[in-house]
């Protein structure tokens, strides 16, 4: 095909498309909004939503710990709003107290050995 023929065919196709778009736009139906009204009644509001997919937190914050131990109870759930100084988990206090007591006995023993050697 030569170039003049391609230009003529393309021009005819473009003109036909423009005419079709104008005709469709002029003869298109107008859309109306319908509103339904009802009498006010007392009752419970029921609303349910179903969805599929994966839930993800909007903002994730890394939380570090200063002590280690076995968690006895967790007071918050994932993505709950928390405030400063709020207790998040409750650790088993007996294990923690025993570790602190063991550390204290170790320090007392070290002081005793030091006093014996450097008197």
N, C-alpha and C. Protein backbone atom coordinates (compact mmCIF):
# COMPACT_ATOMS: atom_id res chain seq x y z
N UNK A 1 0.85 -1.19 0.00
CA UNK A 1 0.00 0.00 0.00
C UNK A 1 0.88 1.24 0.00
N UNK A 2 0.41 2.22 -0.72
CA UNK A 2 1.21 3.44 -0.70
C UNK A 2 0.74 4.34 0.43
N UNK A 3 1.49 5.35 0.71
CA UNK A 3 1.25 6.22 1.86
C UNK A 3 -0.04 7.01 1.72
N UNK A 4 -0.40 7.45 0.53
CA UNK A 4 -1.63 8.23 0.35
C UNK A 4 -2.86 7.39 0.67
N UNK A 5 -2.85 6.13 0.31
CA UNK A 5 -3.98 5.26 0.58
C UNK A 5 -4.15 5.05 2.08
N UNK A 6 -3.04 4.86 2.81
CA UNK A 6 -3.08 4.66 4.27
C UNK A 6 -3.63 5.91 4.95
N UNK A 7 -3.21 7.08 4.51
CA UNK A 7 -3.69 8.34 5.09
C UNK A 7 -5.19 8.50 4.84
N UNK A 8 -5.69 8.19 3.62
CA UNK A 8 -7.11 8.30 3.32
C UNK A 8 -7.94 7.37 4.19
N UNK A 9 -7.50 6.10 4.30
CA UNK A 9 -8.26 5.13 5.10
C UNK A 9 -8.27 5.53 6.58
N UNK A 10 -7.14 5.99 7.11
CA UNK A 10 -7.07 6.43 8.51
C UNK A 10 -7.97 7.63 8.74
N UNK A 11 -7.99 8.57 7.79
CA UNK A 11 -8.83 9.77 7.92
C UNK A 11 -10.30 9.38 7.93
N UNK A 12 -10.69 8.47 7.06
CA UNK A 12 -12.09 8.04 7.00
C UNK A 12 -12.48 7.35 8.31
N UNK A 13 -11.61 6.50 8.83
CA UNK A 13 -11.90 5.81 10.10
C UNK A 13 -12.04 6.81 11.24
N UNK A 14 -11.17 7.80 11.30
CA UNK A 14 -11.23 8.81 12.36
C UNK A 14 -12.52 9.62 12.25
N UNK A 15 -12.91 10.00 11.04
CA UNK A 15 -14.14 10.77 10.84
C UNK A 15 -15.35 9.94 11.26
N UNK A 16 -15.38 8.65 10.89
CA UNK A 16 -16.49 7.79 11.27
C UNK A 16 -16.57 7.67 12.79
N UNK A 17 -15.43 7.50 13.46
CA UNK A 17 -15.42 7.41 14.93
C UNK A 17 -15.94 8.70 15.58
N UNK A 18 -15.54 9.83 15.07
CA UNK A 18 -16.00 11.11 15.62
C UNK A 18 -17.51 11.24 15.45
N UNK A 19 -18.04 10.88 14.26
CA UNK A 19 -19.48 10.96 14.02
C UNK A 19 -20.22 10.02 14.97
N UNK A 20 -19.73 8.81 15.15
CA UNK A 20 -20.39 7.85 16.04
C UNK A 20 -20.39 8.37 17.47
N UNK A 21 -19.28 8.92 17.95
CA UNK A 21 -19.22 9.47 19.31
C UNK A 21 -20.20 10.62 19.50
N UNK A 22 -20.31 11.51 18.52
CA UNK A 22 -21.23 12.65 18.63
C UNK A 22 -22.67 12.15 18.67
N UNK A 23 -23.01 11.18 17.82
CA UNK A 23 -24.38 10.66 17.77
C UNK A 23 -24.72 9.96 19.08
N UNK A 24 -23.81 9.17 19.60
CA UNK A 24 -24.06 8.45 20.85
C UNK A 24 -24.22 9.43 22.00
N UNK A 25 -23.42 10.46 22.02
CA UNK A 25 -23.51 11.44 23.10
C UNK A 25 -24.82 12.22 23.04
N UNK A 26 -25.30 12.56 21.85
CA UNK A 26 -26.54 13.33 21.72
C UNK A 26 -27.76 12.47 22.04
N UNK A 27 -27.74 11.20 21.67
CA UNK A 27 -28.90 10.35 21.88
C UNK A 27 -28.83 9.58 23.19
N UNK A 28 -27.79 9.78 23.99
CA UNK A 28 -27.65 9.07 25.26
C UNK A 28 -28.76 9.43 26.23
N UNK A 29 -29.17 8.46 27.04
CA UNK A 29 -30.24 8.71 28.00
C UNK A 29 -29.70 9.49 29.18
N UNK A 30 -30.53 10.36 29.71
CA UNK A 30 -30.16 11.09 30.92
C UNK A 30 -30.45 10.19 32.11
N UNK A 31 -29.57 10.24 33.09
CA UNK A 31 -29.77 9.40 34.27
C UNK A 31 -30.40 10.24 35.37
N UNK A 32 -31.34 9.63 36.06
CA UNK A 32 -32.02 10.30 37.16
C UNK A 32 -31.75 9.55 38.45
N UNK A 33 -31.72 10.28 39.53
CA UNK A 33 -31.52 9.69 40.84
C UNK A 33 -32.89 9.48 41.46
N UNK A 34 -33.13 8.26 41.95
CA UNK A 34 -34.40 7.98 42.62
C UNK A 34 -34.16 7.92 44.11
N UNK A 35 -35.08 8.49 44.85
CA UNK A 35 -34.97 8.53 46.31
C UNK A 35 -36.21 7.86 46.88
N UNK A 36 -35.98 6.94 47.83
CA UNK A 36 -37.09 6.27 48.49
C UNK A 36 -37.20 6.77 49.92
N UNK A 37 -38.40 7.05 50.37
CA UNK A 37 -38.60 7.49 51.75
C UNK A 37 -39.52 6.51 52.45
N UNK A 38 -39.36 6.42 53.77
CA UNK A 38 -40.20 5.54 54.57
C UNK A 38 -40.51 6.23 55.89
N UNK A 39 -41.53 5.73 56.55
CA UNK A 39 -41.88 6.24 57.87
C UNK A 39 -40.80 5.84 58.87
N UNK A 40 -40.57 6.71 59.85
CA UNK A 40 -39.59 6.43 60.90
C UNK A 40 -40.15 5.37 61.82
N UNK A 41 -39.33 4.34 62.11
CA UNK A 41 -39.75 3.27 63.00
C UNK A 41 -38.66 3.05 64.04
N UNK A 42 -39.07 2.66 65.24
CA UNK A 42 -38.10 2.36 66.28
C UNK A 42 -37.68 0.90 66.14
N UNK A 43 -36.37 0.65 66.28
CA UNK A 43 -35.88 -0.71 66.16
C UNK A 43 -34.36 -0.73 66.21
N UNK A 44 -33.81 -1.89 66.05
CA UNK A 44 -32.36 -2.06 66.07
C UNK A 44 -31.80 -1.87 64.67
N UNK A 45 -30.60 -1.34 64.62
CA UNK A 45 -29.92 -1.18 63.34
C UNK A 45 -29.04 -2.41 63.13
N UNK A 46 -29.20 -3.05 62.01
CA UNK A 46 -28.40 -4.22 61.67
C UNK A 46 -27.57 -3.88 60.45
N UNK A 47 -26.28 -4.06 60.58
CA UNK A 47 -25.38 -3.77 59.47
C UNK A 47 -24.28 -4.82 59.49
N UNK A 48 -24.04 -5.46 58.39
CA UNK A 48 -22.96 -6.44 58.33
C UNK A 48 -22.13 -6.19 57.09
N UNK A 49 -20.86 -6.47 57.23
CA UNK A 49 -19.92 -6.28 56.13
C UNK A 49 -19.15 -7.58 55.97
N UNK A 50 -19.03 -8.04 54.77
CA UNK A 50 -18.20 -9.21 54.50
C UNK A 50 -17.10 -8.80 53.55
N UNK A 51 -15.93 -9.33 53.80
CA UNK A 51 -14.79 -8.99 52.94
C UNK A 51 -13.83 -10.16 52.91
N UNK A 52 -13.05 -10.20 51.89
CA UNK A 52 -12.00 -11.20 51.78
C UNK A 52 -10.69 -10.49 51.55
N UNK A 53 -9.62 -11.12 51.93
CA UNK A 53 -8.31 -10.52 51.71
C UNK A 53 -7.46 -10.63 52.95
N UNK A 54 -6.40 -9.88 52.97
CA UNK A 54 -5.45 -9.90 54.07
C UNK A 54 -5.52 -8.58 54.81
N UNK A 55 -5.65 -8.65 56.13
CA UNK A 55 -5.64 -7.44 56.95
C UNK A 55 -4.20 -7.08 57.29
N UNK A 56 -3.90 -5.79 57.21
CA UNK A 56 -2.57 -5.32 57.55
C UNK A 56 -2.70 -4.08 58.41
N UNK A 57 -1.78 -3.93 59.34
CA UNK A 57 -1.79 -2.77 60.21
C UNK A 57 -1.43 -1.52 59.42
N UNK A 58 -2.02 -0.39 59.81
CA UNK A 58 -1.69 0.88 59.16
C UNK A 58 -0.29 1.32 59.54
N UNK A 59 0.05 1.12 60.80
CA UNK A 59 1.35 1.54 61.29
C UNK A 59 1.86 0.46 62.24
N UNK A 60 3.06 -0.02 62.03
CA UNK A 60 3.64 -1.05 62.87
C UNK A 60 4.82 -0.45 63.62
N UNK A 61 4.87 -0.69 64.91
CA UNK A 61 5.93 -0.14 65.74
C UNK A 61 6.68 -1.30 66.39
N UNK A 62 8.00 -1.27 66.33
CA UNK A 62 8.80 -2.29 66.99
C UNK A 62 8.86 -1.97 68.49
N UNK A 63 8.56 -2.95 69.31
CA UNK A 63 8.56 -2.77 70.75
C UNK A 63 9.69 -3.60 71.33
N UNK A 64 10.60 -2.97 72.04
CA UNK A 64 11.71 -3.68 72.67
C UNK A 64 11.38 -4.00 74.11
N UNK A 65 12.12 -4.95 74.68
CA UNK A 65 11.89 -5.31 76.07
C UNK A 65 13.14 -5.03 76.88
N UNK A 66 12.94 -4.76 78.15
CA UNK A 66 14.06 -4.54 79.06
C UNK A 66 14.27 -5.74 79.96
N UNK A 67 13.28 -6.60 80.05
CA UNK A 67 13.39 -7.81 80.85
C UNK A 67 12.93 -8.97 79.99
N UNK A 68 13.34 -10.15 80.37
CA UNK A 68 12.87 -11.33 79.64
C UNK A 68 12.20 -12.26 80.63
N UNK A 69 11.33 -13.08 80.14
CA UNK A 69 10.63 -14.01 81.00
C UNK A 69 9.43 -14.59 80.29
N UNK A 70 8.68 -15.38 81.01
CA UNK A 70 7.49 -16.01 80.47
C UNK A 70 6.30 -15.08 80.64
N UNK A 71 5.56 -14.87 79.58
CA UNK A 71 4.40 -13.98 79.63
C UNK A 71 3.24 -14.72 80.29
N UNK A 72 2.67 -14.09 81.31
CA UNK A 72 1.54 -14.67 82.02
C UNK A 72 0.22 -14.27 81.37
N UNK A 73 0.11 -12.98 80.98
CA UNK A 73 -1.13 -12.48 80.38
C UNK A 73 -0.79 -11.31 79.47
N UNK A 74 -1.48 -11.22 78.32
CA UNK A 74 -1.31 -10.10 77.40
C UNK A 74 -2.57 -9.25 77.48
N UNK A 75 -2.39 -7.96 77.76
CA UNK A 75 -3.53 -7.07 77.98
C UNK A 75 -4.00 -6.36 76.71
N UNK A 76 -3.25 -6.44 75.61
CA UNK A 76 -3.64 -5.77 74.38
C UNK A 76 -3.57 -6.76 73.23
N UNK A 77 -4.21 -6.39 72.13
CA UNK A 77 -4.19 -7.22 70.94
C UNK A 77 -3.50 -6.46 69.82
N UNK A 78 -3.20 -7.15 68.74
CA UNK A 78 -2.55 -6.53 67.59
C UNK A 78 -3.39 -5.38 67.06
N UNK A 79 -2.75 -4.25 66.82
CA UNK A 79 -3.36 -3.05 66.26
C UNK A 79 -4.28 -2.31 67.24
N UNK A 80 -4.23 -2.63 68.54
CA UNK A 80 -4.96 -1.86 69.54
C UNK A 80 -4.26 -0.54 69.77
N UNK A 81 -5.02 0.48 70.13
CA UNK A 81 -4.41 1.75 70.49
C UNK A 81 -3.95 1.65 71.94
N UNK A 82 -2.73 2.06 72.20
CA UNK A 82 -2.17 2.01 73.55
C UNK A 82 -1.68 3.39 73.93
N UNK A 83 -1.56 3.61 75.23
CA UNK A 83 -1.07 4.89 75.72
C UNK A 83 0.27 4.68 76.42
N UNK A 84 0.94 5.78 76.66
CA UNK A 84 2.24 5.72 77.31
C UNK A 84 2.09 5.13 78.72
N UNK A 85 3.01 4.28 79.10
CA UNK A 85 3.09 3.63 80.41
C UNK A 85 1.97 2.61 80.64
N UNK A 86 1.26 2.24 79.59
CA UNK A 86 0.23 1.21 79.72
C UNK A 86 0.92 -0.16 79.77
N UNK A 87 0.43 -1.03 80.63
CA UNK A 87 1.00 -2.37 80.74
C UNK A 87 0.49 -3.20 79.57
N UNK A 88 1.41 -3.72 78.76
CA UNK A 88 1.02 -4.52 77.61
C UNK A 88 0.99 -6.00 77.98
N UNK A 89 2.13 -6.60 78.40
CA UNK A 89 2.06 -7.99 78.88
C UNK A 89 2.33 -8.04 80.37
N UNK A 90 1.86 -9.07 81.02
CA UNK A 90 2.17 -9.31 82.43
C UNK A 90 3.08 -10.54 82.46
N UNK A 91 4.30 -10.36 83.00
CA UNK A 91 5.25 -11.46 83.09
C UNK A 91 5.01 -12.26 84.36
N UNK A 92 5.47 -13.49 84.33
CA UNK A 92 5.40 -14.32 85.54
C UNK A 92 6.39 -13.71 86.54
N UNK A 93 5.88 -13.13 87.61
CA UNK A 93 6.72 -12.37 88.54
C UNK A 93 7.60 -13.26 89.39
N UNK A 94 7.22 -14.49 89.65
CA UNK A 94 8.01 -15.37 90.48
C UNK A 94 9.37 -15.65 89.83
N UNK A 95 9.38 -15.94 88.55
CA UNK A 95 10.63 -16.21 87.85
C UNK A 95 11.51 -14.97 87.87
N UNK A 96 10.92 -13.82 87.63
CA UNK A 96 11.67 -12.57 87.61
C UNK A 96 12.25 -12.27 89.00
N UNK A 97 11.45 -12.47 90.04
CA UNK A 97 11.94 -12.23 91.40
C UNK A 97 13.07 -13.17 91.76
N UNK A 98 12.96 -14.42 91.36
CA UNK A 98 14.03 -15.38 91.64
C UNK A 98 15.32 -15.01 90.93
N UNK A 99 15.23 -14.51 89.71
CA UNK A 99 16.43 -14.07 89.00
C UNK A 99 17.06 -12.88 89.71
N UNK A 100 16.24 -11.93 90.15
CA UNK A 100 16.78 -10.77 90.86
C UNK A 100 17.43 -11.19 92.18
N UNK A 101 16.81 -12.14 92.88
CA UNK A 101 17.36 -12.64 94.13
C UNK A 101 18.69 -13.35 93.88
N UNK A 102 18.77 -14.11 92.81
CA UNK A 102 20.01 -14.79 92.46
C UNK A 102 21.12 -13.77 92.17
N UNK A 103 20.79 -12.70 91.45
CA UNK A 103 21.77 -11.65 91.18
C UNK A 103 22.23 -10.97 92.46
N UNK A 104 21.30 -10.75 93.38
CA UNK A 104 21.65 -10.12 94.66
C UNK A 104 22.59 -11.01 95.46
N UNK A 105 22.31 -12.33 95.53
CA UNK A 105 23.19 -13.26 96.23
C UNK A 105 24.58 -13.30 95.59
N UNK A 106 24.63 -13.22 94.28
CA UNK A 106 25.91 -13.20 93.58
C UNK A 106 26.72 -11.97 93.97
N UNK A 107 26.06 -10.81 94.03
CA UNK A 107 26.76 -9.59 94.43
C UNK A 107 27.23 -9.66 95.89
N UNK A 108 26.43 -10.24 96.78
CA UNK A 108 26.82 -10.39 98.18
C UNK A 108 28.03 -11.32 98.28
N UNK A 109 28.03 -12.41 97.53
CA UNK A 109 29.16 -13.34 97.55
C UNK A 109 30.43 -12.66 97.04
N UNK A 110 30.30 -11.85 95.97
CA UNK A 110 31.46 -11.13 95.45
C UNK A 110 32.02 -10.16 96.47
N UNK A 111 31.12 -9.45 97.16
CA UNK A 111 31.58 -8.49 98.19
C UNK A 111 32.27 -9.23 99.32
N UNK A 112 31.74 -10.39 99.72
CA UNK A 112 32.32 -11.17 100.80
C UNK A 112 33.73 -11.63 100.42
N UNK A 113 33.88 -12.15 99.18
CA UNK A 113 35.20 -12.60 98.72
C UNK A 113 36.15 -11.42 98.63
N UNK A 114 35.68 -10.31 98.18
CA UNK A 114 36.52 -9.11 98.09
C UNK A 114 37.00 -8.67 99.48
N UNK A 115 36.08 -8.66 100.43
CA UNK A 115 36.45 -8.25 101.79
C UNK A 115 37.45 -9.22 102.42
N UNK A 116 37.34 -10.51 102.12
CA UNK A 116 38.27 -11.49 102.67
C UNK A 116 39.66 -11.32 102.07
N UNK A 117 39.72 -11.04 100.79
CA UNK A 117 41.01 -10.94 100.13
C UNK A 117 41.73 -9.61 100.38
N UNK A 118 41.00 -8.53 100.49
CA UNK A 118 41.62 -7.21 100.57
C UNK A 118 41.40 -6.53 101.91
N UNK A 119 41.43 -7.26 103.00
CA UNK A 119 41.31 -6.68 104.33
C UNK A 119 42.60 -6.21 104.86
